[in-house]
Amino acid sequence: MRGPTRPASVKSYFPAFEIGKPITGPGVGVVIRSENSKVKPGDHVYSNAFGKSAFMAWREFSHAIQGETVFVSTGAGSVGSLVIQLAKMNGPKVIASAGSDEKVQFMKEIGADVTFNYKTTKTSAVLEKEGPIDAYWDNVGGETLDAALEAANNLVLVIKKSISMNGFIVFRLASKGDEEFSNTVPSIVASGQIKYREDVSNGLQTVGDVILAVQKGINKAKAVIHVADE
């Protein structure tokens, strides 16, 4: 939601929201009436990329294994928390940061080995003590990215060690990752192997407050608007 919340004059890969017009976002719904034979009343449908950013990009770009160290920023968010759990499936040590003590506790609960509140603890100090790091999932940029690059394992040997930096747009990974996501993620979430939290607000009238809370980072989990019961 952050990308489209910008002036329409600022060009990007995704259209900006327009003042006075509806905004769009991921959603889950139940079909009430259908004129499509492939979709029946009572079916659940969804739109956009729930969890796919974490799953597809981690599988595509990260090769962290047991014995290595991974750093994840905003590790209590919907993307970062899934990255932590995907990383731990391969066995590396995971360092994770978040902006409140409550979020730090959640990161511990989902398996992160080293957790800290970046607002009260200096990121560079943690990485100096717990690093060097072999992979970094960057959700914030700025000083945190600077600290991660400084703590990267053998950064000066970028060619010899084949260190790489990848940016991504999840929609561009969908053609090769959609099927694997659908075959993997729902089942491991349903089984409890992947843990998650939701910060639920009731009614469309709460949308503005919820978006503001996310922008400020004061939401406590994945922000969800509950529109109606099934």
Foldseek 3Di string as FASTA:
>chain_A
DVVLCDPQVDDDPDGHDDPPDDDDDKDKDAACDDPDPVHDGRDIDIDDDQQLVQVLCCVVPPDDAAPFEEEEEQCQERNNVVNLLVNVVRHYAYEYEHADPLSQVVSVVSPHPHYDHVVVDPLLVVLVVPDLHAYYDDDDDDPNVVSNCVSHDPNVPCPVVVDDDDDDDSVVSCVPCVVVCVVPVVVCVVVVSRDFDEQEDEAPVCVVVQVVCVVVRNGRYHYYYHHDDD
